[in-house]
């Protein structure tokens, strides 16, 4: 379970401050997979980083009563001067995972070849995403945070991602950000709509998608 207690978050833009969360209090209950929807610029990726703990709120508290992953596909997890192998070993130590087993899994799943031994700052964005995705899946978490990661790689790699998701969902929850309604329906049973600093949870994904589509129509 992840709980937000009067959380505020904003950031600067060229036109002023953009509010992502404005005194938001809500609970992501265990045993459910949430799809997070919202228009472009609403701050969905910022929300995922808040839930992961990789970015702090301006005020309020994010409480995690579960082992929560870093965002799948988030390349900012890595130190650019270290190789893929060295980064994976470092992250495995942080989370108390078996180092050799984690490295072997990531090396095989990411399919980076010789780049696995090269500094991450030589990687393309897609290669970083593969490394982050594989590293996250190599470690057991109660909740996996996913930010559009199913869109990376070619069709074969996306199928592998989908298979890996299904395996993790047998024992873990997911919070998923995507613009794809099919992906939301495939993986999620509950939804949340982020817009104008408000986060509204829905107990079924159909209602969440209807609310999201109304929001898009109103803003068109």
Protein backbone atom coordinates (compact mmCIF):
# COMPACT_ATOMS: atom_id res chain seq x y z
CA UNK A 1 0.00 0.00 0.00
CA UNK A 2 1.13 3.53 -0.81
CA UNK A 3 -0.50 6.49 0.93
CA UNK A 4 -0.34 10.19 0.03
CA UNK A 5 -1.09 12.57 2.90
CA UNK A 6 -1.75 16.19 1.87
CA UNK A 7 0.96 16.04 -0.78
CA UNK A 8 1.85 19.13 -2.80
CA UNK A 9 4.21 19.18 -5.76
CA UNK A 10 4.94 21.84 -8.35
CA UNK A 11 7.81 22.82 -10.62
CA UNK A 12 8.91 25.81 -12.60
CA UNK A 13 8.17 26.26 -16.29
CA UNK A 14 8.85 29.10 -18.71
CA UNK A 15 5.33 30.40 -18.09
CA UNK A 16 5.38 30.06 -14.29
CA UNK A 17 4.86 27.29 -11.77
CA UNK A 18 3.04 24.12 -12.79
CA UNK A 19 1.10 22.35 -10.03
CA UNK A 20 1.15 18.55 -10.23
CA UNK A 21 -0.43 17.74 -6.86
CA UNK A 22 -2.35 20.20 -4.72
CA UNK A 23 -3.00 18.91 -1.18
CA UNK A 24 -3.68 15.38 -2.46
CA UNK A 25 -4.56 12.65 0.03
CA UNK A 26 -5.27 9.18 -1.35
CA UNK A 27 -4.39 5.50 -0.96
CA UNK A 28 -3.21 2.99 -3.55
CA UNK A 29 -4.46 -0.21 -1.92
CA UNK A 30 -2.52 -3.46 -2.08
CA UNK A 31 -3.96 -6.20 -4.27
CA UNK A 32 -4.87 -3.87 -7.13
CA UNK A 33 -3.18 -2.71 -10.32
CA UNK A 34 -3.70 0.99 -11.03
CA UNK A 35 -3.58 2.72 -14.40
CA UNK A 36 -2.66 6.40 -14.12
CA UNK A 37 -4.22 8.60 -16.78
CA UNK A 38 -3.93 12.29 -17.51
CA UNK A 39 -3.39 14.80 -20.31
CA UNK A 40 0.09 15.67 -21.53
CA UNK A 41 1.87 17.87 -19.03
CA UNK A 42 -0.33 16.85 -16.10
CA UNK A 43 2.71 15.45 -14.27
CA UNK A 44 2.17 11.69 -14.47
CA UNK A 45 5.90 10.93 -14.62
CA UNK A 46 6.50 13.32 -11.71
CA UNK A 47 3.85 11.43 -9.73
CA UNK A 48 5.59 8.12 -10.44
CA UNK A 49 8.90 9.55 -9.20
CA UNK A 50 7.17 10.80 -6.03
CA UNK A 51 5.72 7.36 -5.39
CA UNK A 52 9.14 5.80 -5.94
CA UNK A 53 10.84 8.22 -3.56
CA UNK A 54 13.27 9.40 -6.23
CA UNK A 55 11.78 12.90 -6.03
CA UNK A 56 10.50 14.56 -2.82
CA UNK A 57 7.17 16.39 -2.44
CA UNK A 58 7.16 20.11 -1.71
CA UNK A 59 5.03 19.33 1.34
CA UNK A 60 3.03 16.45 2.73
CA UNK A 61 4.07 12.84 3.16
CA UNK A 62 4.28 9.80 0.89
CA UNK A 63 4.07 6.64 3.01
CA UNK A 64 5.10 3.30 1.52
CA UNK A 65 3.91 0.17 3.30
CA UNK A 66 5.48 -2.05 0.65
CA UNK A 67 8.74 -2.59 -1.19
CA UNK A 68 8.37 -0.17 -4.10
CA UNK A 69 10.48 -0.23 -7.27
CA UNK A 70 12.17 2.65 -8.98
CA UNK A 71 10.28 3.56 -12.20
CA UNK A 72 10.70 0.88 -14.85
CA UNK A 73 12.45 2.32 -17.87
CA UNK A 74 13.76 5.37 -15.98
CA UNK A 75 17.34 5.81 -17.21
CA UNK A 76 18.11 8.39 -14.52
CA UNK A 77 18.60 5.47 -12.14
CA UNK A 78 22.14 4.94 -13.42
CA UNK A 79 25.57 6.55 -13.02
CA UNK A 80 26.77 7.47 -16.49
CA UNK A 81 30.47 6.82 -15.87
CA UNK A 82 29.86 3.23 -14.74
CA UNK A 83 29.24 0.30 -17.05
CA UNK A 84 25.89 -1.43 -17.24
CA UNK A 85 27.32 -4.33 -15.23
CA UNK A 86 28.71 -2.01 -12.54
CA UNK A 87 25.43 -0.12 -12.25
CA UNK A 88 23.45 -3.34 -11.87
CA UNK A 89 25.82 -4.60 -9.17
CA UNK A 90 25.51 -1.30 -7.29
CA UNK A 91 21.70 -1.33 -7.42
CA UNK A 92 21.59 -4.98 -6.34
CA UNK A 93 23.64 -4.08 -3.26
CA UNK A 94 21.30 -1.18 -2.42
CA UNK A 95 18.24 -3.44 -2.48
CA UNK A 96 19.93 -6.44 -0.87
CA UNK A 97 19.53 -8.64 -3.94
CA UNK A 98 21.90 -11.42 -4.99
CA UNK A 99 24.49 -9.62 -7.10
CA UNK A 100 25.52 -12.38 -9.49
CA UNK A 101 21.96 -13.57 -10.09
CA UNK A 102 20.79 -10.02 -10.72
CA UNK A 103 23.63 -9.34 -13.16
CA UNK A 104 22.99 -12.57 -15.07
CA UNK A 105 19.26 -11.81 -15.39
CA UNK A 106 19.82 -8.24 -16.58
CA UNK A 107 22.54 -9.19 -19.06
CA UNK A 108 20.30 -11.81 -20.66
CA UNK A 109 17.05 -9.84 -20.62
CA UNK A 110 18.39 -6.48 -21.79
CA UNK A 111 20.26 -7.98 -24.77
CA UNK A 112 22.78 -5.14 -24.71
CA UNK A 113 25.67 -7.34 -25.82
CA UNK A 114 29.08 -5.70 -25.50
CA UNK A 115 27.45 -2.46 -24.38
CA UNK A 116 26.73 -4.10 -21.02
CA UNK A 117 30.45 -3.63 -20.28
CA UNK A 118 30.52 -0.01 -21.49
CA UNK A 119 29.72 3.24 -19.64
CA UNK A 120 26.00 3.98 -19.52
CA UNK A 121 26.65 7.50 -20.84
CA UNK A 122 27.42 5.87 -24.21
CA UNK A 123 23.92 4.32 -24.36
CA UNK A 124 21.00 5.52 -26.43
CA UNK A 125 17.75 6.34 -24.60
CA UNK A 126 16.33 2.99 -25.68
CA UNK A 127 19.34 1.09 -24.33
CA UNK A 128 19.05 2.89 -20.99
CA UNK A 129 15.38 1.97 -20.87
CA UNK A 130 16.18 -1.69 -21.56
CA UNK A 131 18.79 -1.71 -18.80
CA UNK A 132 16.45 -0.04 -16.31
CA UNK A 133 13.56 -2.34 -17.19
CA UNK A 134 15.65 -5.49 -16.83
CA UNK A 135 17.28 -4.30 -13.60
CA UNK A 136 13.93 -3.54 -12.01
CA UNK A 137 12.47 -6.90 -12.99
CA UNK A 138 15.55 -8.70 -11.67
CA UNK A 139 14.70 -7.53 -8.13
CA UNK A 140 11.58 -8.65 -6.26
CA UNK A 141 9.32 -5.71 -5.37
CA UNK A 142 5.80 -5.62 -3.93
CA UNK A 143 4.87 -2.74 -6.25
CA UNK A 144 6.32 -2.03 -9.70
CA UNK A 145 6.10 1.51 -11.05
CA UNK A 146 5.87 1.61 -14.83
CA UNK A 147 6.10 4.73 -17.00
CA UNK A 148 5.32 3.96 -20.67
CA UNK A 149 7.95 1.23 -20.60
CA UNK A 150 5.96 -1.19 -22.77
CA UNK A 151 6.62 1.10 -25.75
CA UNK A 152 10.40 0.53 -25.80
CA UNK A 153 12.24 -1.73 -28.20
CA UNK A 154 11.01 -3.71 -31.18
CA UNK A 155 7.90 -5.87 -31.28
CA UNK A 156 9.73 -8.98 -30.05
CA UNK A 157 11.17 -7.11 -27.05
CA UNK A 158 7.75 -5.64 -26.23
CA UNK A 159 6.31 -9.16 -26.19
CA UNK A 160 9.01 -10.17 -23.72
CA UNK A 161 8.11 -7.14 -21.60
CA UNK A 162 4.45 -8.15 -21.63
CA UNK A 163 5.32 -11.71 -20.59
CA UNK A 164 7.52 -10.39 -17.78
CA UNK A 165 4.70 -8.13 -16.58
CA UNK A 166 2.30 -11.05 -16.38
CA UNK A 167 4.77 -13.07 -14.34
CA UNK A 168 5.33 -10.22 -11.88
CA UNK A 169 1.59 -9.58 -11.53
CA UNK A 170 1.16 -13.08 -10.10
CA UNK A 171 2.80 -11.88 -6.89
CA UNK A 172 3.15 -8.08 -7.14
CA UNK A 173 1.06 -4.98 -7.85
CA UNK A 174 1.72 -2.43 -10.59
CA UNK A 175 1.11 1.28 -11.05
CA UNK A 176 1.16 2.00 -14.75
CA UNK A 177 1.34 5.26 -16.72
CA UNK A 178 0.42 4.96 -20.38
CA UNK A 179 -1.61 6.74 -23.07
CA UNK A 180 -2.76 3.40 -24.49
CA UNK A 181 -6.30 2.36 -23.35
CA UNK A 182 -5.66 -1.22 -24.47
CA UNK A 183 -2.59 -1.45 -22.22
CA UNK A 184 -4.55 -0.03 -19.29
CA UNK A 185 -7.38 -2.55 -19.75
CA UNK A 186 -4.90 -5.40 -20.19
CA UNK A 187 -2.98 -4.84 -16.97
CA UNK A 188 -5.10 -2.72 -14.59
CA UNK A 189 -8.30 -3.19 -12.59
CA UNK A 190 -8.44 0.33 -11.09
CA UNK A 191 -7.64 3.76 -12.44
CA UNK A 192 -6.53 7.22 -11.37
CA UNK A 193 -6.92 10.45 -13.33
CA UNK A 194 -4.41 13.26 -12.76
CA UNK A 195 -5.39 16.76 -13.90
CA UNK A 196 -5.09 20.31 -12.59
CA UNK A 197 -3.36 19.23 -9.40
CA UNK A 198 -6.06 16.72 -8.46
CA UNK A 199 -5.72 12.93 -8.41
CA UNK A 200 -9.05 11.08 -8.63
CA UNK A 201 -9.13 7.32 -8.02
CA UNK A 202 -11.75 5.08 -9.66
CA UNK A 203 -12.64 1.58 -8.49
CA UNK A 204 -12.92 0.20 -12.01
CA UNK A 205 -10.85 0.94 -15.06
CA UNK A 206 -13.83 1.56 -17.33
CA UNK A 207 -15.02 4.49 -15.21
CA UNK A 208 -11.48 5.89 -15.12
CA UNK A 209 -11.20 5.77 -18.91
CA UNK A 210 -14.60 7.45 -19.32
CA UNK A 211 -13.55 10.24 -16.96
CA UNK A 212 -10.27 10.65 -18.83
CA UNK A 213 -11.96 10.84 -22.23
CA UNK A 214 -14.45 13.44 -20.95
CA UNK A 215 -11.53 15.47 -19.66
CA UNK A 216 -9.85 15.38 -23.06
CA UNK A 217 -13.05 16.41 -24.83
CA UNK A 218 -13.61 19.33 -22.45
CA UNK A 219 -10.08 20.61 -22.98
CA UNK A 220 -10.16 20.21 -26.79
